[in-house]
N, C-alpha and C. Protein backbone atom coordinates (compact mmCIF):
# COMPACT_ATOMS: atom_id res chain seq x y z
N MET A 1 109.66 -25.24 -47.36
CA MET A 1 109.28 -25.84 -48.14
C MET A 1 110.28 -26.55 -49.45
N ILE A 2 110.52 -27.27 -49.90
CA ILE A 2 111.25 -27.80 -50.73
C ILE A 2 111.05 -28.39 -51.59
N ILE A 3 111.64 -27.65 -53.04
CA ILE A 3 111.39 -27.62 -54.19
C ILE A 3 112.44 -28.66 -55.46
N GLN A 4 111.46 -29.23 -56.04
CA GLN A 4 111.48 -29.72 -56.31
C GLN A 4 112.58 -29.97 -57.66
N LYS A 5 113.33 -30.20 -58.31
CA LYS A 5 113.68 -29.27 -59.49
C LYS A 5 112.36 -30.44 -60.25
N LYS A 6 112.12 -29.62 -61.55
CA LYS A 6 111.44 -30.14 -62.52
C LYS A 6 111.88 -31.18 -63.60
N VAL A 7 111.86 -32.15 -64.56
CA VAL A 7 112.20 -32.72 -65.73
C VAL A 7 111.07 -33.14 -66.52
N MET A 8 111.46 -32.58 -68.18
CA MET A 8 110.62 -32.28 -69.07
C MET A 8 110.84 -33.41 -69.91
N THR A 9 109.71 -33.60 -70.06
CA THR A 9 109.44 -34.58 -71.60
C THR A 9 108.47 -35.20 -71.81
N SER A 10 108.27 -35.69 -73.02
CA SER A 10 107.15 -35.64 -73.93
C SER A 10 106.82 -37.41 -73.69
N ILE A 11 105.39 -37.27 -74.67
CA ILE A 11 104.87 -38.57 -75.36
C ILE A 11 103.97 -38.00 -75.91
N LYS A 12 103.99 -39.07 -76.79
CA LYS A 12 103.47 -39.16 -78.00
C LYS A 12 101.89 -40.15 -77.17
N LEU A 13 100.82 -39.60 -77.61
CA LEU A 13 99.03 -39.99 -77.49
C LEU A 13 98.45 -39.89 -79.04
N GLN A 14 97.59 -41.43 -78.81
CA GLN A 14 96.11 -41.07 -80.12
C GLN A 14 95.51 -39.74 -79.84
N LYS A 15 95.12 -39.37 -80.66
CA LYS A 15 94.50 -38.09 -80.38
C LYS A 15 93.21 -38.21 -80.09
N ASN A 16 92.33 -39.58 -79.87
CA ASN A 16 90.91 -39.28 -79.07
C ASN A 16 91.60 -39.33 -77.50
N LEU A 17 92.93 -40.47 -77.30
CA LEU A 17 93.03 -40.75 -76.14
C LEU A 17 93.72 -38.94 -75.06
N HIS A 18 94.00 -38.30 -76.63
CA HIS A 18 95.07 -37.34 -76.14
C HIS A 18 93.52 -36.12 -74.93
N ARG A 19 92.61 -36.11 -76.71
CA ARG A 19 90.76 -35.67 -76.23
C ARG A 19 90.36 -35.76 -75.03
N ARG A 20 90.58 -36.84 -74.85
CA ARG A 20 89.88 -37.15 -73.04
C ARG A 20 90.45 -37.20 -72.27
N LEU A 21 91.86 -37.20 -72.37
CA LEU A 21 92.91 -36.68 -71.33
C LEU A 21 92.13 -35.02 -71.09
N GLN A 22 91.99 -34.39 -72.21
CA GLN A 22 92.05 -32.85 -71.96
C GLN A 22 90.89 -32.88 -71.24
N GLN A 23 90.01 -33.12 -71.00
CA GLN A 23 88.57 -32.95 -71.04
C GLN A 23 88.83 -33.26 -69.91
N GLN A 24 89.15 -34.68 -68.91
CA GLN A 24 89.48 -35.19 -68.29
C GLN A 24 89.54 -33.86 -67.39
N ILE A 25 91.04 -33.20 -67.92
CA ILE A 25 92.35 -33.18 -66.51
C ILE A 25 91.42 -31.52 -66.14
N ILE A 26 90.25 -31.42 -67.11
CA ILE A 26 88.86 -30.15 -67.08
C ILE A 26 88.47 -30.02 -66.43
N GLU A 27 87.63 -31.87 -66.09
CA GLU A 27 86.64 -32.36 -65.78
C GLU A 27 86.45 -32.13 -64.17
N ASP A 28 88.28 -32.88 -64.02
CA ASP A 28 88.29 -33.39 -62.43
C ASP A 28 88.40 -31.53 -62.17
N GLY A 29 88.81 -30.93 -62.50
CA GLY A 29 88.73 -28.90 -61.42
C GLY A 29 90.18 -28.51 -62.20
N TYR A 30 91.25 -29.33 -63.04
CA TYR A 30 92.52 -28.48 -62.76
C TYR A 30 93.13 -27.51 -63.42
N GLY A 31 92.06 -27.47 -64.50
CA GLY A 31 92.14 -26.60 -65.36
C GLY A 31 93.22 -26.82 -66.29
N MET A 32 93.63 -26.10 -67.68
CA MET A 32 94.58 -26.34 -68.45
C MET A 32 95.96 -26.43 -67.99
N ARG A 33 96.60 -25.52 -66.60
CA ARG A 33 97.89 -25.33 -65.62
C ARG A 33 97.86 -26.25 -65.82
N GLY A 34 97.04 -27.55 -65.28
CA GLY A 34 97.12 -28.82 -63.89
C GLY A 34 97.31 -29.90 -64.24
N LYS A 35 97.75 -29.65 -66.07
CA LYS A 35 97.82 -30.88 -66.32
C LYS A 35 99.31 -31.76 -66.11
N SER A 36 100.34 -31.41 -66.18
CA SER A 36 101.14 -32.57 -64.98
C SER A 36 100.71 -33.10 -64.40
N LYS A 37 100.49 -32.15 -63.27
CA LYS A 37 100.08 -32.31 -62.01
C LYS A 37 98.82 -33.41 -61.84
N TRP A 38 97.92 -33.68 -63.08
CA TRP A 38 97.38 -34.23 -63.46
C TRP A 38 98.25 -35.86 -63.66
N ILE A 39 98.39 -35.39 -64.77
CA ILE A 39 99.68 -36.84 -64.87
C ILE A 39 100.92 -38.29 -63.87
N ILE A 40 100.95 -36.81 -62.92
CA ILE A 40 101.83 -36.90 -61.87
C ILE A 40 101.45 -37.27 -61.03
N GLU A 41 100.31 -37.52 -60.54
CA GLU A 41 99.26 -38.10 -60.29
C GLU A 41 98.59 -39.73 -60.76
N SER A 42 98.40 -38.64 -62.22
CA SER A 42 98.27 -40.74 -62.25
C SER A 42 99.27 -41.63 -62.40
N ILE A 43 100.77 -41.34 -62.33
CA ILE A 43 101.61 -42.06 -62.48
C ILE A 43 102.09 -42.55 -61.00
N GLU A 44 102.20 -41.91 -60.58
CA GLU A 44 101.75 -42.10 -59.06
C GLU A 44 101.14 -43.36 -58.25
N ALA A 45 100.19 -43.74 -58.86
CA ALA A 45 99.09 -43.88 -58.99
C ALA A 45 99.07 -45.13 -59.46
N LEU A 46 99.57 -45.43 -60.69
CA LEU A 46 99.71 -46.49 -61.55
C LEU A 46 100.94 -47.71 -60.66
N LEU A 47 102.51 -46.51 -60.28
CA LEU A 47 103.67 -47.04 -59.67
C LEU A 47 102.77 -47.70 -58.14
N THR A 48 101.59 -47.83 -57.53
CA THR A 48 101.32 -48.51 -56.63
C THR A 48 100.42 -49.55 -56.82
N LEU A 49 100.54 -50.04 -58.02
CA LEU A 49 99.78 -50.93 -58.60
C LEU A 49 100.99 -51.93 -58.55
N PRO A 50 100.09 -53.70 -58.17
CA PRO A 50 101.11 -54.95 -58.02
C PRO A 50 101.34 -55.22 -59.41
N ASP A 51 100.14 -55.38 -60.15
CA ASP A 51 100.25 -55.56 -61.44
C ASP A 51 101.12 -54.56 -62.76
N TYR A 52 101.24 -53.28 -62.04
CA TYR A 52 102.14 -52.02 -63.02
C TYR A 52 102.24 -52.56 -64.65
N PRO A 53 103.39 -53.69 -64.20
CA PRO A 53 104.17 -54.38 -65.53
C PRO A 53 103.20 -54.06 -65.95
N THR A 54 102.66 -55.68 -66.21
CA THR A 54 101.68 -55.87 -66.93
C THR A 54 100.74 -54.24 -67.82
N LEU A 55 100.25 -53.78 -66.57
CA LEU A 55 99.85 -52.73 -67.75
C LEU A 55 100.40 -51.59 -68.77
N VAL A 56 101.67 -52.01 -68.53
CA VAL A 56 102.52 -50.68 -68.68
C VAL A 56 102.97 -52.12 -70.48
N ASP A 57 103.04 -53.04 -70.36
CA ASP A 57 102.66 -53.83 -71.25
C ASP A 57 101.78 -53.64 -72.53
N ILE A 58 100.89 -54.26 -71.75
CA ILE A 58 99.47 -53.60 -72.55
C ILE A 58 99.67 -52.09 -73.55
N ALA A 59 99.88 -50.93 -72.65
CA ALA A 59 100.46 -50.14 -73.28
C ALA A 59 100.99 -49.83 -74.63
N GLU A 60 102.14 -50.67 -74.83
CA GLU A 60 102.74 -50.78 -75.43
C GLU A 60 102.34 -51.35 -77.08
N ASP A 61 100.81 -51.52 -76.64
CA ASP A 61 100.21 -52.23 -77.69
C ASP A 61 99.94 -50.90 -78.50
N MET A 62 99.84 -49.80 -78.03
CA MET A 62 99.37 -49.31 -78.88
C MET A 62 99.83 -48.34 -80.25
N ASP A 63 98.22 -47.38 -81.74
CA ASP A 63 99.32 -46.85 -82.43
C ASP A 63 99.14 -46.04 -82.60
N GLN A 64 99.16 -45.11 -83.92
CA GLN A 64 98.59 -44.17 -84.16
C GLN A 64 99.45 -43.14 -82.96
N LEU A 65 100.20 -42.91 -82.88
CA LEU A 65 100.84 -41.78 -81.41
C LEU A 65 100.92 -40.59 -82.22
N SER A 66 99.82 -39.74 -82.31
CA SER A 66 100.82 -38.44 -83.68
C SER A 66 100.58 -37.33 -82.55
N ASP A 67 100.05 -37.42 -81.27
CA ASP A 67 99.73 -36.08 -80.82
C ASP A 67 100.92 -35.96 -79.63
N MET A 68 101.94 -35.16 -79.19
CA MET A 68 102.89 -34.67 -78.72
C MET A 68 102.28 -34.00 -77.19
N VAL A 69 102.89 -34.34 -76.80
CA VAL A 69 102.36 -33.74 -74.98
C VAL A 69 103.55 -34.13 -73.95
N SER A 70 103.95 -32.76 -73.31
CA SER A 70 105.07 -32.21 -73.13
C SER A 70 104.50 -32.06 -71.31
N ILE A 71 105.40 -32.94 -70.34
CA ILE A 71 104.91 -32.71 -69.29
C ILE A 71 106.21 -32.34 -68.21
N ARG A 72 105.86 -31.64 -67.09
CA ARG A 72 107.46 -31.65 -66.08
C ARG A 72 106.51 -32.64 -65.35
N LEU A 73 108.05 -33.09 -64.66
CA LEU A 73 107.79 -34.29 -63.80
C LEU A 73 109.12 -33.71 -62.67
N PRO A 74 108.68 -33.98 -61.59
CA PRO A 74 109.47 -33.92 -60.20
C PRO A 74 110.82 -34.69 -60.47
N GLU A 75 111.66 -33.94 -60.23
CA GLU A 75 112.82 -35.46 -60.43
C GLU A 75 112.40 -36.57 -59.40
N GLY A 76 112.11 -36.72 -57.94
CA GLY A 76 112.42 -37.39 -57.59
C GLY A 76 111.55 -38.46 -57.93
N LEU A 77 110.11 -38.73 -58.88
CA LEU A 77 109.62 -39.40 -59.47
C LEU A 77 109.97 -39.57 -60.73
N MET A 78 110.70 -38.56 -61.47
CA MET A 78 111.75 -39.49 -62.50
C MET A 78 112.51 -41.05 -62.46
N LEU A 79 113.61 -40.35 -61.02
CA LEU A 79 113.73 -41.68 -60.23
C LEU A 79 112.81 -43.12 -60.25
N ARG A 80 111.66 -42.88 -59.85
CA ARG A 80 110.69 -44.04 -59.23
C ARG A 80 110.51 -44.66 -60.63
N ILE A 81 110.33 -43.51 -61.74
CA ILE A 81 109.88 -44.42 -62.56
C ILE A 81 111.06 -44.64 -63.52
N GLU A 82 112.23 -44.08 -63.85
CA GLU A 82 113.63 -45.35 -63.67
C GLU A 82 113.81 -46.57 -63.32
N GLN A 83 113.14 -46.85 -62.00
CA GLN A 83 113.07 -47.97 -61.23
C GLN A 83 111.95 -48.95 -61.67
N ALA A 84 110.41 -48.46 -61.56
CA ALA A 84 109.85 -49.28 -62.66
C ALA A 84 110.28 -49.59 -64.03
N VAL A 85 110.37 -48.87 -64.69
CA VAL A 85 111.62 -49.24 -66.21
C VAL A 85 112.07 -50.28 -66.25
N VAL A 86 113.05 -50.67 -64.59
CA VAL A 86 114.14 -51.84 -64.04
C VAL A 86 113.10 -53.09 -64.03
N GLN A 87 111.87 -52.74 -63.54
CA GLN A 87 111.24 -53.79 -62.66
C GLN A 87 110.26 -53.79 -64.67
N VAL A 88 109.65 -53.71 -65.03
CA VAL A 88 108.88 -53.63 -66.11
C VAL A 88 110.09 -54.26 -67.40
N ARG A 89 111.03 -53.65 -67.75
CA ARG A 89 112.25 -54.94 -68.36
C ARG A 89 112.68 -56.31 -67.46
N LYS A 90 112.11 -56.09 -66.78
CA LYS A 90 112.71 -57.72 -66.18
C LYS A 90 111.50 -58.65 -66.33
N GLN A 91 110.22 -57.98 -67.10
CA GLN A 91 109.03 -59.31 -66.30
C GLN A 91 109.34 -59.46 -68.26
N TYR A 92 109.58 -58.23 -69.24
CA TYR A 92 109.39 -57.56 -70.09
C TYR A 92 110.48 -57.90 -71.19
N PRO A 93 111.17 -58.45 -71.72
CA PRO A 93 112.68 -57.89 -71.97
C PRO A 93 112.32 -57.52 -73.64
N THR A 94 112.23 -57.11 -74.13
CA THR A 94 111.57 -57.18 -75.18
C THR A 94 110.89 -56.10 -75.80
N ILE A 95 109.97 -55.76 -74.18
CA ILE A 95 109.62 -53.81 -74.71
C ILE A 95 110.06 -53.09 -75.17
N GLU A 96 109.82 -51.82 -75.70
CA GLU A 96 110.33 -50.79 -76.30
C GLU A 96 109.63 -49.79 -75.50
N GLY A 97 110.17 -48.79 -75.14
CA GLY A 97 110.33 -47.22 -74.75
C GLY A 97 109.15 -47.75 -73.83
N VAL A 98 109.59 -47.83 -73.18
CA VAL A 98 108.88 -48.29 -71.35
C VAL A 98 109.00 -46.76 -70.68
N LYS A 99 109.65 -46.38 -70.59
CA LYS A 99 108.57 -45.21 -69.48
C LYS A 99 108.04 -43.97 -70.65
N SER A 100 107.67 -43.91 -71.90
CA SER A 100 106.42 -43.55 -72.13
C SER A 100 105.74 -44.23 -72.51
N ASN A 101 105.06 -46.01 -72.34
CA ASN A 101 104.73 -46.76 -72.49
C ASN A 101 103.87 -47.12 -70.58
N LEU A 102 105.00 -46.33 -69.36
CA LEU A 102 104.73 -47.00 -68.63
C LEU A 102 103.31 -44.84 -68.53
N ILE A 103 104.23 -43.98 -68.91
CA ILE A 103 103.01 -42.73 -68.53
C ILE A 103 101.55 -43.24 -70.25
N ARG A 104 101.69 -43.57 -70.15
CA ARG A 104 100.26 -44.04 -71.67
C ARG A 104 99.62 -44.36 -70.29
N ALA A 105 100.16 -45.81 -69.51
CA ALA A 105 99.44 -47.00 -69.27
C ALA A 105 98.69 -46.13 -67.87
N SER A 106 99.85 -45.19 -67.21
CA SER A 106 98.79 -44.36 -66.25
C SER A 106 98.07 -43.42 -66.90
N ILE A 107 97.91 -42.62 -67.43
CA ILE A 107 96.66 -42.08 -67.86
C ILE A 107 95.70 -43.10 -68.21
N MET A 108 95.33 -43.40 -69.03
CA MET A 108 94.41 -45.29 -69.77
C MET A 108 94.21 -45.57 -68.21
N GLN A 109 94.73 -45.49 -67.55
CA GLN A 109 94.14 -46.23 -65.79
C GLN A 109 93.16 -45.28 -64.86
N ARG A 110 94.35 -44.10 -64.98
CA ARG A 110 92.64 -43.08 -64.50
C ARG A 110 92.11 -42.80 -65.05
N LEU A 111 91.90 -42.59 -66.37
CA LEU A 111 90.43 -41.96 -67.43
C LEU A 111 89.70 -43.92 -67.13
N LEU A 112 90.62 -44.61 -67.21
CA LEU A 112 89.63 -46.06 -66.96
C LEU A 112 88.54 -46.08 -65.33
N ARG A 113 89.31 -45.30 -64.62
CA ARG A 113 88.73 -45.62 -62.36
C ARG A 113 87.85 -44.59 -62.60
């Protein structure tokens, strides 16, 4: 078994989005310890979508980001996120906080589906 190093990262979410996220994690049977796993799966799913840069751009419009959420991501996924950030910047050069927006977009997409 290969043990991947985990990287700690934090993002801010709107209160109601954070609440929906917590409810969904429990409803999906992940339990309270499963938050990172749930978010990792949502990021992986987002990165398979051909239009993910557009979804990341939409996530930039979120405001009132008051709740801090910490997650542990595998190093390999963190590298994929870094590559995705480059792709998003190519299409949307002015976008700020691409990594946080990417994670927020992945959470929103999974909640919507």
